[in-house]
PDB file of all heavy atoms in Angstrom:
ATOM      1  N   MET A   1     -78.162 -74.058 -43.538  1.00  0.00           N
ATOM      2  CA  MET A   1     -77.550 -75.099 -42.750  1.00  0.00           C
ATOM      3  C   MET A   1     -77.343 -74.696 -41.288  1.00  0.00           C
ATOM      4  O   MET A   1     -77.600 -75.498 -40.404  1.00  0.00           O
ATOM      5  CB  MET A   1     -76.226 -75.503 -43.413  1.00  0.00           C
ATOM      6  CG  MET A   1     -75.587 -76.684 -42.796  1.00  0.00           C
ATOM      7  SD  MET A   1     -76.673 -78.101 -43.033  1.00  0.00           S
ATOM      8  CE  MET A   1     -75.781 -79.313 -42.143  1.00  0.00           C
ATOM      9  N   PRO A   2     -76.906 -73.455 -41.003  1.00  0.00           N
ATOM     10  CA  PRO A   2     -76.704 -73.098 -39.594  1.00  0.00           C
ATOM     11  C   PRO A   2     -77.957 -73.258 -38.755  1.00  0.00           C
ATOM     12  O   PRO A   2     -77.873 -73.641 -37.595  1.00  0.00           O
ATOM     13  CB  PRO A   2     -76.255 -71.640 -39.658  1.00  0.00           C
ATOM     14  CG  PRO A   2     -75.637 -71.490 -40.999  1.00  0.00           C
ATOM     15  CD  PRO A   2     -76.449 -72.399 -41.903  1.00  0.00           C
ATOM     16  N   PHE A   3     -79.139 -72.978 -39.348  1.00  0.00           N
ATOM     17  CA  PHE A   3     -80.369 -73.133 -38.572  1.00  0.00           C
ATOM     18  C   PHE A   3     -80.533 -74.567 -38.091  1.00  0.00           C
ATOM     19  O   PHE A   3     -80.926 -74.814 -36.958  1.00  0.00           O
ATOM     20  CB  PHE A   3     -81.593 -72.746 -39.418  1.00  0.00           C
ATOM     21  CG  PHE A   3     -81.822 -71.270 -39.506  1.00  0.00           C
ATOM     22  CD1 PHE A   3     -81.423 -70.563 -40.623  1.00  0.00           C
ATOM     23  CD2 PHE A   3     -82.435 -70.588 -38.476  1.00  0.00           C
ATOM     24  CE1 PHE A   3     -81.643 -69.203 -40.722  1.00  0.00           C
ATOM     25  CE2 PHE A   3     -82.662 -69.225 -38.554  1.00  0.00           C
ATOM     26  CZ  PHE A   3     -82.259 -68.532 -39.691  1.00  0.00           C
ATOM     27  N   ALA A   4     -80.249 -75.522 -38.947  1.00  0.00           N
ATOM     28  CA  ALA A   4     -80.401 -76.932 -38.585  1.00  0.00           C
ATOM     29  C   ALA A   4     -79.430 -77.326 -37.478  1.00  0.00           C
ATOM     30  O   ALA A   4     -79.741 -78.169 -36.645  1.00  0.00           O
ATOM     31  CB  ALA A   4     -80.189 -77.819 -39.809  1.00  0.00           C
ATOM     32  N   LEU A   5     -78.273 -76.737 -37.479  1.00  0.00           N
ATOM     33  CA  LEU A   5     -77.287 -77.073 -36.456  1.00  0.00           C
ATOM     34  C   LEU A   5     -77.621 -76.458 -35.101  1.00  0.00           C
ATOM     35  O   LEU A   5     -77.498 -77.115 -34.075  1.00  0.00           O
ATOM     36  CB  LEU A   5     -75.887 -76.618 -36.894  1.00  0.00           C
ATOM     37  CG  LEU A   5     -75.320 -77.338 -38.110  1.00  0.00           C
ATOM     38  CD1 LEU A   5     -73.995 -76.715 -38.522  1.00  0.00           C
ATOM     39  CD2 LEU A   5     -75.162 -78.817 -37.842  1.00  0.00           C
ATOM     40  N   TYR A   6     -78.035 -75.183 -35.098  1.00  0.00           N
ATOM     41  CA  TYR A   6     -78.282 -74.485 -33.843  1.00  0.00           C
ATOM     42  C   TYR A   6     -79.649 -74.772 -33.264  1.00  0.00           C
ATOM     43  O   TYR A   6     -79.824 -74.776 -32.053  1.00  0.00           O
ATOM     44  CB  TYR A   6     -78.113 -72.977 -34.021  1.00  0.00           C
ATOM     45  CG  TYR A   6     -76.685 -72.573 -34.291  1.00  0.00           C
ATOM     46  CD1 TYR A   6     -76.342 -71.911 -35.460  1.00  0.00           C
ATOM     47  CD2 TYR A   6     -75.669 -72.852 -33.386  1.00  0.00           C
ATOM     48  CE1 TYR A   6     -75.031 -71.539 -35.715  1.00  0.00           C
ATOM     49  CE2 TYR A   6     -74.355 -72.498 -33.639  1.00  0.00           C
ATOM     50  CZ  TYR A   6     -74.046 -71.833 -34.802  1.00  0.00           C
ATOM     51  OH  TYR A   6     -72.763 -71.476 -35.064  1.00  0.00           O
ATOM     52  N   GLY A   7     -80.641 -74.963 -34.102  1.00  0.00           N
ATOM     53  CA  GLY A   7     -81.994 -75.197 -33.625  1.00  0.00           C
ATOM     54  C   GLY A   7     -82.628 -73.932 -33.070  1.00  0.00           C
ATOM     55  O   GLY A   7     -82.051 -72.841 -33.149  1.00  0.00           O
ATOM     56  N   GLY A   8     -83.824 -74.078 -32.517  1.00  0.00           N
ATOM     57  CA  GLY A   8     -84.528 -72.931 -31.974  1.00  0.00           C
ATOM     58  C   GLY A   8     -85.023 -72.018 -33.073  1.00  0.00           C
ATOM     59  O   GLY A   8     -85.243 -72.421 -34.206  1.00  0.00           O
ATOM     60  N   THR A   9     -85.204 -70.766 -32.727  1.00  0.00           N
ATOM     61  CA  THR A   9     -85.637 -69.750 -33.677  1.00  0.00           C
ATOM     62  C   THR A   9     -84.563 -68.682 -33.733  1.00  0.00           C
ATOM     63  O   THR A   9     -84.043 -68.269 -32.698  1.00  0.00           O
ATOM     64  CB  THR A   9     -86.974 -69.128 -33.240  1.00  0.00           C
ATOM     65  OG1 THR A   9     -87.944 -70.163 -33.142  1.00  0.00           O
ATOM     66  CG2 THR A   9     -87.459 -68.082 -34.218  1.00  0.00           C
ATOM     67  N   ALA A  10     -84.222 -68.254 -34.929  1.00  0.00           N
ATOM     68  CA  ALA A  10     -83.185 -67.242 -35.097  1.00  0.00           C
ATOM     69  C   ALA A  10     -83.503 -66.365 -36.288  1.00  0.00           C
ATOM     70  O   ALA A  10     -84.196 -66.774 -37.218  1.00  0.00           O
ATOM     71  CB  ALA A  10     -81.822 -67.904 -35.286  1.00  0.00           C
ATOM     72  N   LEU A  11     -82.975 -65.163 -36.255  1.00  0.00           N
ATOM     73  CA  LEU A  11     -83.057 -64.247 -37.378  1.00  0.00           C
ATOM     74  C   LEU A  11     -81.765 -64.397 -38.161  1.00  0.00           C
ATOM     75  O   LEU A  11     -80.672 -64.240 -37.612  1.00  0.00           O
ATOM     76  CB  LEU A  11     -83.215 -62.812 -36.876  1.00  0.00           C
ATOM     77  CG  LEU A  11     -83.217 -61.717 -37.936  1.00  0.00           C
ATOM     78  CD1 LEU A  11     -84.415 -61.878 -38.860  1.00  0.00           C
ATOM     79  CD2 LEU A  11     -83.225 -60.352 -37.270  1.00  0.00           C
ATOM     80  N   GLY A  12     -81.894 -64.753 -39.435  1.00  0.00           N
ATOM     81  CA  GLY A  12     -80.719 -64.925 -40.283  1.00  0.00           C
ATOM     82  C   GLY A  12     -80.492 -63.691 -41.129  1.00  0.00           C
ATOM     83  O   GLY A  12     -81.405 -63.215 -41.790  1.00  0.00           O
ATOM     84  N   THR A  13     -79.288 -63.144 -41.091  1.00  0.00           N
ATOM     85  CA  THR A  13     -78.938 -61.990 -41.908  1.00  0.00           C
ATOM     86  C   THR A  13     -77.653 -62.299 -42.663  1.00  0.00           C
ATOM     87  O   THR A  13     -77.117 -63.397 -42.569  1.00  0.00           O
ATOM     88  CB  THR A  13     -78.770 -60.720 -41.040  1.00  0.00           C
ATOM     89  OG1 THR A  13     -77.788 -60.971 -40.036  1.00  0.00           O
ATOM     90  CG2 THR A  13     -80.085 -60.323 -40.381  1.00  0.00           C
ATOM     91  N   GLY A  14     -77.162 -61.304 -43.382  1.00  0.00           N
ATOM     92  CA  GLY A  14     -76.001 -61.542 -44.240  1.00  0.00           C
ATOM     93  C   GLY A  14     -76.436 -62.437 -45.377  1.00  0.00           C
ATOM     94  O   GLY A  14     -77.441 -62.193 -46.024  1.00  0.00           O
ATOM     95  N   HIS A  15     -75.701 -63.493 -45.595  1.00  0.00           N
ATOM     96  CA  HIS A  15     -76.097 -64.498 -46.592  1.00  0.00           C
ATOM     97  C   HIS A  15     -76.808 -65.655 -45.904  1.00  0.00           C
ATOM     98  O   HIS A  15     -76.852 -66.757 -46.417  1.00  0.00           O
ATOM     99  CB  HIS A  15     -74.872 -65.007 -47.343  1.00  0.00           C
ATOM    100  CG  HIS A  15     -74.304 -63.997 -48.284  1.00  0.00           C
ATOM    101  ND1 HIS A  15     -73.309 -64.296 -49.158  1.00  0.00           N
ATOM    102  CD2 HIS A  15     -74.595 -62.700 -48.498  1.00  0.00           C
ATOM    103  CE1 HIS A  15     -73.000 -63.223 -49.864  1.00  0.00           C
ATOM    104  NE2 HIS A  15     -73.772 -62.247 -49.472  1.00  0.00           N
ATOM    105  N   GLY A  16     -77.347 -65.381 -44.721  1.00  0.00           N
ATOM    106  CA  GLY A  16     -78.027 -66.406 -43.940  1.00  0.00           C
ATOM    107  C   GLY A  16     -77.120 -67.045 -42.915  1.00  0.00           C
ATOM    108  O   GLY A  16     -77.552 -67.865 -42.114  1.00  0.00           O
ATOM    109  N   GLU A  17     -75.852 -66.648 -42.912  1.00  0.00           N
ATOM    110  CA  GLU A  17     -74.881 -67.261 -42.012  1.00  0.00           C
ATOM    111  C   GLU A  17     -74.777 -66.547 -40.667  1.00  0.00           C
ATOM    112  O   GLU A  17     -74.225 -67.085 -39.713  1.00  0.00           O
ATOM    113  CB  GLU A  17     -73.496 -67.313 -42.680  1.00  0.00           C
ATOM    114  CG  GLU A  17     -72.701 -66.020 -42.635  1.00  0.00           C
ATOM    115  CD  GLU A  17     -73.174 -64.934 -43.603  1.00  0.00           C
ATOM    116  OE1 GLU A  17     -74.200 -65.121 -44.294  1.00  0.00           O
ATOM    117  OE2 GLU A  17     -72.525 -63.889 -43.646  1.00  0.00           O
ATOM    118  N   VAL A  18     -75.318 -65.334 -40.554  1.00  0.00           N
ATOM    119  CA  VAL A  18     -75.282 -64.587 -39.305  1.00  0.00           C
ATOM    120  C   VAL A  18     -76.605 -64.827 -38.597  1.00  0.00           C
ATOM    121  O   VAL A  18     -77.653 -64.350 -39.044  1.00  0.00           O
ATOM    122  CB  VAL A  18     -75.060 -63.073 -39.560  1.00  0.00           C
ATOM    123  CG1 VAL A  18     -75.017 -62.319 -38.235  1.00  0.00           C
ATOM    124  CG2 VAL A  18     -73.795 -62.843 -40.363  1.00  0.00           C
ATOM    125  N   LEU A  19     -76.561 -65.583 -37.515  1.00  0.00           N
ATOM    126  CA  LEU A  19     -77.785 -65.961 -36.800  1.00  0.00           C
ATOM    127  C   LEU A  19     -77.851 -65.277 -35.448  1.00  0.00           C
ATOM    128  O   LEU A  19     -76.876 -65.285 -34.700  1.00  0.00           O
ATOM    129  CB  LEU A  19     -77.839 -67.474 -36.593  1.00  0.00           C
ATOM    130  CG  LEU A  19     -77.878 -68.327 -37.854  1.00  0.00           C
ATOM    131  CD1 LEU A  19     -77.930 -69.798 -37.490  1.00  0.00           C
ATOM    132  CD2 LEU A  19     -79.070 -67.949 -38.713  1.00  0.00           C
ATOM    133  N   SER A  20     -79.011 -64.715 -35.151  1.00  0.00           N
ATOM    134  CA  SER A  20     -79.268 -64.106 -33.849  1.00  0.00           C
ATOM    135  C   SER A  20     -80.473 -64.808 -33.251  1.00  0.00           C
ATOM    136  O   SER A  20     -81.564 -64.756 -33.833  1.00  0.00           O
ATOM    137  CB  SER A  20     -79.568 -62.616 -33.997  1.00  0.00           C
ATOM    138  OG  SER A  20     -78.491 -61.952 -34.613  1.00  0.00           O
ATOM    139  N   PRO A  21     -80.296 -65.488 -32.103  1.00  0.00           N
ATOM    140  CA  PRO A  21     -81.440 -66.164 -31.477  1.00  0.00           C
ATOM    141  C   PRO A  21     -82.533 -65.146 -31.138  1.00  0.00           C
ATOM    142  O   PRO A  21     -82.246 -64.018 -30.745  1.00  0.00           O
ATOM    143  CB  PRO A  21     -80.863 -66.764 -30.192  1.00  0.00           C
ATOM    144  CG  PRO A  21     -79.386 -66.767 -30.397  1.00  0.00           C
ATOM    145  CD  PRO A  21     -79.069 -65.642 -31.328  1.00  0.00           C
ATOM    146  N   VAL A  22     -83.788 -65.570 -31.322  1.00  0.00           N
ATOM    147  CA  VAL A  22     -84.922 -64.707 -30.985  1.00  0.00           C
ATOM    148  C   VAL A  22     -85.962 -65.510 -30.214  1.00  0.00           C
ATOM    149  O   VAL A  22     -86.030 -66.732 -30.320  1.00  0.00           O
ATOM    150  CB  VAL A  22     -85.565 -64.078 -32.244  1.00  0.00           C
ATOM    151  CG1 VAL A  22     -84.586 -63.179 -32.971  1.00  0.00           C
ATOM    152  CG2 VAL A  22     -86.106 -65.127 -33.177  1.00  0.00           C
ATOM    153  N   LEU A  23     -86.761 -64.785 -29.462  1.00  0.00           N
ATOM    154  CA  LEU A  23     -87.822 -65.403 -28.685  1.00  0.00           C
ATOM    155  C   LEU A  23     -89.001 -65.741 -29.585  1.00  0.00           C
ATOM    156  O   LEU A  23     -89.489 -64.900 -30.324  1.00  0.00           O
ATOM    157  CB  LEU A  23     -88.286 -64.443 -27.578  1.00  0.00           C
ATOM    158  CG  LEU A  23     -89.474 -64.906 -26.742  1.00  0.00           C
ATOM    159  CD1 LEU A  23     -89.106 -66.154 -25.948  1.00  0.00           C
ATOM    160  CD2 LEU A  23     -89.920 -63.788 -25.812  1.00  0.00           C
ATOM    161  N   ALA A  24     -89.430 -66.985 -29.546  1.00  0.00           N
ATOM    162  CA  ALA A  24     -90.637 -67.418 -30.251  1.00  0.00           C
ATOM    163  C   ALA A  24     -91.484 -68.149 -29.218  1.00  0.00           C
ATOM    164  O   ALA A  24     -91.018 -69.098 -28.596  1.00  0.00           O
ATOM    165  CB  ALA A  24     -90.284 -68.339 -31.410  1.00  0.00           C
ATOM    166  N   ARG A  25     -92.711 -67.698 -29.059  1.00  0.00           N
ATOM    167  CA  ARG A  25     -93.532 -68.228 -27.964  1.00  0.00           C
ATOM    168  C   ARG A  25     -94.372 -69.442 -28.313  1.00  0.00           C
ATOM    169  O   ARG A  25     -95.015 -69.996 -27.448  1.00  0.00           O
ATOM    170  CB  ARG A  25     -94.449 -67.127 -27.470  1.00  0.00           C
ATOM    171  CG  ARG A  25     -93.661 -66.006 -26.878  1.00  0.00           C
ATOM    172  CD  ARG A  25     -94.544 -64.988 -26.285  1.00  0.00           C
ATOM    173  NE  ARG A  25     -93.672 -63.930 -25.766  1.00  0.00           N
ATOM    174  CZ  ARG A  25     -94.058 -62.998 -24.961  1.00  0.00           C
ATOM    175  NH1 ARG A  25     -95.289 -62.950 -24.564  1.00  0.00           N
ATOM    176  NH2 ARG A  25     -93.214 -62.094 -24.552  1.00  0.00           N
ATOM    177  N   THR A  26     -94.398 -69.814 -29.557  1.00  0.00           N
ATOM    178  CA  THR A  26     -95.290 -70.911 -29.927  1.00  0.00           C
ATOM    179  C   THR A  26     -94.672 -71.753 -31.033  1.00  0.00           C
ATOM    180  O   THR A  26     -93.808 -71.301 -31.765  1.00  0.00           O
ATOM    181  CB  THR A  26     -96.668 -70.359 -30.373  1.00  0.00           C
ATOM    182  OG1 THR A  26     -97.571 -71.433 -30.540  1.00  0.00           O
ATOM    183  CG2 THR A  26     -96.556 -69.587 -31.670  1.00  0.00           C
ATOM    184  N   GLN A  27     -95.138 -72.968 -31.120  1.00  0.00           N
ATOM    185  CA  GLN A  27     -94.708 -73.851 -32.193  1.00  0.00           C
ATOM    186  C   GLN A  27     -95.422 -73.447 -33.479  1.00  0.00           C
ATOM    187  O   GLN A  27     -96.602 -73.102 -33.460  1.00  0.00           O
ATOM    188  CB  GLN A  27     -95.046 -75.295 -31.837  1.00  0.00           C
ATOM    189  CG  GLN A  27     -94.491 -76.296 -32.812  1.00  0.00           C
ATOM    190  CD  GLN A  27     -94.736 -77.703 -32.337  1.00  0.00           C
ATOM    191  OE1 GLN A  27     -95.867 -78.178 -32.382  1.00  0.00           O
ATOM    192  NE2 GLN A  27     -93.687 -78.355 -31.882  1.00  0.00           N
ATOM    193  N   ARG A  28     -94.710 -73.484 -34.594  1.00  0.00           N
ATOM    194  CA  ARG A  28     -95.279 -73.152 -35.899  1.00  0.00           C
ATOM    195  C   ARG A  28     -95.321 -74.404 -36.757  1.00  0.00           C
ATOM    196  O   ARG A  28     -94.477 -75.295 -36.624  1.00  0.00           O
ATOM    197  CB  ARG A  28     -94.438 -72.095 -36.622  1.00  0.00           C
ATOM    198  CG  ARG A  28     -94.168 -70.857 -35.830  1.00  0.00           C
ATOM    199  CD  ARG A  28     -95.416 -70.051 -35.576  1.00  0.00           C
ATOM    200  NE  ARG A  28     -95.038 -68.872 -34.783  1.00  0.00           N
ATOM    201  CZ  ARG A  28     -95.856 -67.928 -34.438  1.00  0.00           C
ATOM    202  NH1 ARG A  28     -97.120 -67.989 -34.799  1.00  0.00           N
ATOM    203  NH2 ARG A  28     -95.447 -66.918 -33.720  1.00  0.00           N
ATOM    204  N   HIS A  29     -96.284 -74.449 -37.644  1.00  0.00           N
ATOM    205  CA  HIS A  29     -96.440 -75.587 -38.547  1.00  0.00           C
ATOM    206  C   HIS A  29     -96.241 -75.115 -39.978  1.00  0.00           C
ATOM    207  O   HIS A  29     -96.803 -74.096 -40.388  1.00  0.00           O
ATOM    208  CB  HIS A  29     -97.808 -76.241 -38.348  1.00  0.00           C
ATOM    209  CG  HIS A  29     -97.917 -76.870 -37.008  1.00  0.00           C
ATOM    210  ND1 HIS A  29     -97.574 -78.181 -36.772  1.00  0.00           N
ATOM    211  CD2 HIS A  29     -98.278 -76.360 -35.809  1.00  0.00           C
ATOM    212  CE1 HIS A  29     -97.729 -78.455 -35.494  1.00  0.00           C
ATOM    213  NE2 HIS A  29     -98.155 -77.365 -34.886  1.00  0.00           N
ATOM    214  N   TRP A  30     -95.438 -75.868 -40.706  1.00  0.00           N
ATOM    215  CA  TRP A  30     -95.004 -75.475 -42.038  1.00  0.00           C
ATOM    216  C   TRP A  30     -95.343 -76.552 -43.059  1.00  0.00           C
ATOM    217  O   TRP A  30     -95.384 -77.733 -42.739  1.00  0.00           O
ATOM    218  CB  TRP A  30     -93.493 -75.263 -42.051  1.00  0.00           C
ATOM    219  CG  TRP A  30     -93.048 -74.195 -41.117  1.00  0.00           C
ATOM    220  CD1 TRP A  30     -92.701 -74.333 -39.801  1.00  0.00           C
ATOM    221  CD2 TRP A  30     -92.931 -72.809 -41.412  1.00  0.00           C
ATOM    222  NE1 TRP A  30     -92.367 -73.117 -39.267  1.00  0.00           N
ATOM    223  CE2 TRP A  30     -92.493 -72.162 -40.235  1.00  0.00           C
ATOM    224  CE3 TRP A  30     -93.144 -72.055 -42.562  1.00  0.00           C
ATOM    225  CZ2 TRP A  30     -92.272 -70.792 -40.180  1.00  0.00           C
ATOM    226  CZ3 TRP A  30     -92.918 -70.693 -42.510  1.00  0.00           C
ATOM    227  CH2 TRP A  30     -92.487 -70.077 -41.321  1.00  0.00           C
ATOM    228  N   VAL A  31     -95.522 -76.112 -44.290  1.00  0.00           N
ATOM    229  CA  VAL A  31     -95.668 -77.010 -45.427  1.00  0.00           C
ATOM    230  C   VAL A  31     -94.495 -76.708 -46.342  1.00  0.00           C
ATOM    231  O   VAL A  31     -94.210 -75.541 -46.651  1.00  0.00           O
ATOM    232  CB  VAL A  31     -97.005 -76.787 -46.156  1.00  0.00           C
ATOM    233  CG1 VAL A  31     -97.107 -77.681 -47.380  1.00  0.00           C
ATOM    234  CG2 VAL A  31     -98.170 -77.030 -45.195  1.00  0.00           C
ATOM    235  N   ILE A  32     -93.806 -77.749 -46.765  1.00  0.00           N
ATOM    236  CA  ILE A  32     -92.601 -77.600 -47.575  1.00  0.00           C
ATOM    237  C   ILE A  32     -92.849 -78.257 -48.927  1.00  0.00           C
ATOM    238  O   ILE A  32     -93.130 -79.458 -48.994  1.00  0.00           O
ATOM    239  CB  ILE A  32     -91.398 -78.245 -46.869  1.00  0.00           C
ATOM    240  CG1 ILE A  32     -91.243 -77.632 -45.474  1.00  0.00           C
ATOM    241  CG2 ILE A  32     -90.124 -78.076 -47.695  1.00  0.00           C
ATOM    242  CD1 ILE A  32     -90.436 -78.465 -44.517  1.00  0.00           C
ATOM    243  N   ALA A  33     -92.752 -77.457 -49.993  1.00  0.00           N
ATOM    244  CA  ALA A  33     -92.953 -77.946 -51.360  1.00  0.00           C
ATOM    245  C   ALA A  33     -91.574 -78.103 -52.012  1.00  0.00           C
ATOM    246  O   ALA A  33     -90.879 -77.122 -52.250  1.00  0.00           O
ATOM    247  CB  ALA A  33     -93.807 -76.974 -52.159  1.00  0.00           C
ATOM    248  N   LEU A  34     -91.186 -79.353 -52.261  1.00  0.00           N
ATOM    249  CA  LEU A  34     -89.878 -79.655 -52.840  1.00  0.00           C
ATOM    250  C   LEU A  34     -89.999 -79.780 -54.348  1.00  0.00           C
ATOM    251  O   LEU A  34     -90.848 -80.515 -54.850  1.00  0.00           O
ATOM    252  CB  LEU A  34     -89.332 -80.954 -52.242  1.00  0.00           C
ATOM    253  CG  LEU A  34     -89.171 -80.915 -50.718  1.00  0.00           C
ATOM    254  CD1 LEU A  34     -89.202 -82.299 -50.134  1.00  0.00           C
ATOM    255  CD2 LEU A  34     -87.889 -80.206 -50.366  1.00  0.00           C
ATOM    256  N   ALA A  35     -89.135 -79.074 -55.048  1.00  0.00           N
ATOM    257  CA  ALA A  35     -89.157 -79.073 -56.514  1.00  0.00           C
ATOM    258  C   ALA A  35     -88.240 -80.153 -57.063  1.00  0.00           C
ATOM    259  O   ALA A  35     -87.401 -80.705 -56.342  1.00  0.00           O
ATOM    260  CB  ALA A  35     -88.707 -77.711 -57.030  1.00  0.00           C
ATOM    261  N   ASP A  36     -88.399 -80.430 -58.343  1.00  0.00           N
ATOM    262  CA  ASP A  36     -87.437 -81.288 -59.045  1.00  0.00           C
ATOM    263  C   ASP A  36     -86.189 -80.466 -59.306  1.00  0.00           C
ATOM    264  O   ASP A  36     -86.276 -79.315 -59.717  1.00  0.00           O
ATOM    265  CB  ASP A  36     -88.010 -81.766 -60.384  1.00  0.00           C
ATOM    266  CG  ASP A  36     -89.022 -82.883 -60.196  1.00  0.00           C
ATOM    267  OD1 ASP A  36     -88.782 -83.750 -59.337  1.00  0.00           O
ATOM    268  OD2 ASP A  36     -90.041 -82.873 -60.903  1.00  0.00           O
TER     269      ASP A  36
END
């Protein structure tokens, strides 16, 4: 959830709640497979 709120690119550590912004030079394209 924090990623959606902050936006950009970040490194998530801990349980994913500790976010550190990082430099990303290009847009990435993703495929998301949602399960039942």
